[in-house]
Amino acid sequence: MVVAPLCGKVRARETGEFTQGARWELVDMNTALLLGTAVVIVLAVIASLWGRRATPLKKAIAQSIEIHNVAPIVEAMRELKFVDSASTWHKTLGSLWLVYERELAAKLLIEAASMHTSDVIVTWTQRIVEVEPEHALKWLGREFILEKLQLPDDAIPVAPPRKGQRATKKPKKK
């Protein structure tokens, strides 16, 4: 006897009898597509809400902006063991930069440099020097800039370089 699932009941083809047991139902293609689409939409909404939740680091960034101090961010990075994560430092610095908390980003960069060494430190040092040249020396300090950008001691960071220009002044020849 061959059984085929049809219309919610299992039917024996040869006898035409309906048997008790598992109840399977075949669903037409339109219903399957509709259900599949609904599941995808629900999962997308859940993922969106999950991504927007307030993580401890996001809370620390908001608190740091409010009190204008990087201590909450540094504490959160240590607690979450993100101190060694270059991408987390980059995202956190970027978050501050995008809301124009550039002085706070510079302070965080100095803290990050004391705990972590990577190209992220150099990248953000360059960005601050290029975008905020009038404040870079005040925020970061001459020694920090020279060290992180690996410039000679007699180089003086200046305004952002234009095409074909160097980022530092050449020392005058005597």
Protein backbone atom coordinates (compact mmCIF):
# COMPACT_ATOMS: atom_id res chain seq x y z
CA MET A 1 0.00 0.00 0.00
CA VAL A 2 1.39 3.42 -1.00
CA VAL A 3 0.49 6.41 1.11
CA ALA A 4 0.56 9.99 -0.03
CA PRO A 5 0.03 13.06 2.12
CA LEU A 6 -3.03 14.97 0.89
CA CYS A 7 -5.35 17.58 2.37
CA GLY A 8 -4.49 17.01 5.99
CA LYS A 9 -5.00 13.24 6.03
CA VAL A 10 -3.03 10.25 4.94
CA ARG A 11 -4.94 8.35 2.27
CA ALA A 12 -4.23 4.93 0.90
CA ARG A 13 -4.25 5.17 -2.89
CA GLU A 14 -5.41 1.64 -3.54
CA THR A 15 -8.31 1.47 -1.16
CA GLY A 16 -9.38 5.07 -0.91
CA GLU A 17 -9.50 4.66 2.85
CA PHE A 18 -8.30 7.30 5.22
CA THR A 19 -6.00 6.11 7.96
CA GLN A 20 -5.27 7.54 11.34
CA GLY A 21 -1.74 8.70 12.13
CA ALA A 22 0.44 11.64 11.23
CA ARG A 23 -1.41 14.45 9.58
CA TRP A 24 0.53 16.08 6.79
CA GLU A 25 -0.66 18.87 4.68
CA LEU A 26 0.55 19.97 1.31
CA VAL A 27 0.60 23.72 0.93
CA ASP A 28 0.22 25.42 -2.41
CA MET A 29 3.09 27.58 -3.68
CA ASN A 30 1.41 30.94 -2.98
CA THR A 31 0.85 30.07 0.67
CA ALA A 32 4.43 28.87 1.03
CA LEU A 33 5.77 32.12 -0.45
CA LEU A 34 3.51 34.17 1.79
CA LEU A 35 4.60 32.29 4.91
CA GLY A 36 8.26 32.49 3.88
CA THR A 37 8.02 36.23 3.32
CA ALA A 38 6.33 36.73 6.69
CA VAL A 39 9.09 34.78 8.45
CA VAL A 40 11.80 36.84 6.71
CA ILE A 41 10.09 40.11 7.66
CA VAL A 42 9.74 39.05 11.30
CA LEU A 43 13.41 38.02 11.44
CA ALA A 44 14.47 41.33 9.84
CA VAL A 45 12.51 43.31 12.44
CA ILE A 46 14.03 41.27 15.28
CA ALA A 47 17.54 41.76 13.86
CA SER A 48 16.95 45.50 13.50
CA LEU A 49 15.77 45.83 17.08
CA TRP A 50 18.64 43.66 18.32
CA GLY A 51 21.17 45.91 16.55
CA ARG A 52 19.69 49.05 18.12
CA ARG A 53 19.76 47.82 21.66
CA ALA A 54 21.79 49.87 24.09
CA THR A 55 25.00 47.96 24.65
CA PRO A 56 27.25 48.84 27.60
CA LEU A 57 29.70 50.48 25.19
CA LYS A 58 26.98 52.60 23.55
CA LYS A 59 25.80 53.67 26.99
CA ALA A 60 29.38 54.57 27.93
CA ILE A 61 29.79 56.65 24.76
CA ALA A 62 26.58 58.56 25.54
CA GLN A 63 27.69 59.12 29.13
CA SER A 64 31.14 60.29 28.00
CA ILE A 65 29.61 62.82 25.64
CA GLU A 66 27.32 64.05 28.41
CA ILE A 67 30.10 64.56 30.96
CA HIS A 68 32.81 65.29 28.36
CA ASN A 69 35.20 62.72 29.82
CA VAL A 70 36.49 59.47 28.27
CA ALA A 71 36.62 57.55 31.56
CA PRO A 72 33.28 55.71 31.03
CA ILE A 73 34.37 54.52 27.57
CA VAL A 74 37.75 53.31 28.81
CA GLU A 75 36.10 51.53 31.75
CA ALA A 76 33.55 49.85 29.46
CA MET A 77 36.30 48.76 27.05
CA ARG A 78 38.21 47.17 29.93
CA GLU A 79 35.14 45.44 31.38
CA LEU A 80 34.11 44.06 27.99
CA LYS A 81 37.70 43.05 27.25
CA PHE A 82 37.71 45.11 24.04
CA VAL A 83 41.00 46.85 24.87
CA ASP A 84 42.89 44.69 22.36
CA SER A 85 40.30 45.08 19.59
CA ALA A 86 41.48 47.55 16.94
CA SER A 87 38.08 47.55 15.23
CA THR A 88 36.29 48.46 18.47
CA TRP A 89 38.66 51.38 19.07
CA HIS A 90 38.10 52.47 15.46
CA LYS A 91 34.29 52.28 15.74
CA THR A 92 34.28 54.08 19.08
CA LEU A 93 36.54 56.87 17.84
CA GLY A 94 34.39 57.08 14.71
CA SER A 95 31.22 57.37 16.80
CA LEU A 96 32.64 60.36 18.64
CA TRP A 97 34.01 61.88 15.43
CA LEU A 98 30.68 61.66 13.60
CA VAL A 99 28.83 63.60 16.30
CA TYR A 100 31.56 66.28 16.22
CA GLU A 101 32.98 65.38 19.62
CA ARG A 102 36.44 65.71 18.14
CA GLU A 103 38.24 66.90 21.24
CA LEU A 104 36.77 63.94 23.12
CA ALA A 105 37.89 61.66 20.27
CA ALA A 106 41.41 63.08 20.63
CA LYS A 107 41.37 62.39 24.38
CA LEU A 108 40.18 58.84 23.72
CA LEU A 109 42.91 58.41 21.11
CA ILE A 110 45.55 59.24 23.72
CA GLU A 111 44.00 56.69 26.10
CA ALA A 112 43.80 54.11 23.32
CA ALA A 113 47.46 54.65 22.44
CA SER A 114 48.48 53.96 26.03
CA MET A 115 46.63 50.59 26.00
CA HIS A 116 46.76 49.45 22.39
CA THR A 117 49.16 49.62 19.48
CA SER A 118 47.87 49.30 15.96
CA ASP A 119 47.45 51.18 12.73
CA VAL A 120 44.18 52.55 14.09
CA ILE A 121 46.15 54.91 16.35
CA VAL A 122 48.20 56.20 13.41
CA THR A 123 45.12 56.52 11.19
CA TRP A 124 43.19 58.57 13.74
CA THR A 125 46.23 60.71 14.56
CA GLN A 126 46.57 61.53 10.86
CA ARG A 127 42.86 62.29 10.60
CA ILE A 128 42.93 64.70 13.53
CA VAL A 129 46.05 66.45 12.22
CA GLU A 130 44.58 66.76 8.72
CA VAL A 131 41.00 67.73 9.59
CA GLU A 132 41.59 69.78 12.76
CA PRO A 133 45.13 71.15 12.28
CA GLU A 134 44.51 74.25 14.42
CA HIS A 135 43.51 72.07 17.40
CA ALA A 136 45.68 68.98 16.88
CA LEU A 137 48.72 70.30 18.77
CA LYS A 138 46.55 71.45 21.68
CA TRP A 139 44.54 68.22 21.89
CA LEU A 140 47.24 65.64 21.21
CA GLY A 141 50.51 67.38 21.96
CA ARG A 142 53.54 67.74 19.72
CA GLU A 143 55.39 64.68 21.06
CA PHE A 144 52.39 62.40 20.58
CA ILE A 145 51.93 63.49 16.96
CA LEU A 146 55.62 63.17 16.13
CA GLU A 147 55.83 59.73 17.74
CA LYS A 148 52.67 58.26 16.21
CA LEU A 149 53.29 59.65 12.74
CA GLN A 150 56.98 58.70 13.02
CA LEU A 151 58.19 62.15 12.10
CA PRO A 152 61.65 63.49 12.88
CA ASP A 153 62.00 65.60 16.02
CA ASP A 154 62.56 68.78 14.06
CA ALA A 155 59.38 68.35 12.01
CA ILE A 156 56.46 70.57 12.88
CA PRO A 157 52.96 69.34 12.05
CA VAL A 158 51.17 71.92 9.95
CA ALA A 159 47.87 72.38 8.14
CA PRO A 160 46.53 69.50 6.03
CA PRO A 161 48.67 68.74 3.00
CA ARG A 162 47.34 69.53 -0.43
CA LYS A 163 47.97 67.35 -3.43
CA GLY A 164 51.68 66.98 -3.97
CA GLN A 165 52.56 68.57 -0.61
CA ARG A 166 54.17 66.94 2.41
CA ALA A 167 52.48 66.90 5.81
CA THR A 168 55.46 68.56 7.54
CA LYS A 169 57.68 71.52 6.85
CA LYS A 170 61.17 70.69 5.75
CA PRO A 171 63.84 72.09 8.04
CA LYS A 172 65.57 75.11 6.58
CA LYS A 173 69.07 74.53 5.31
CA LYS A 174 71.74 76.74 6.84
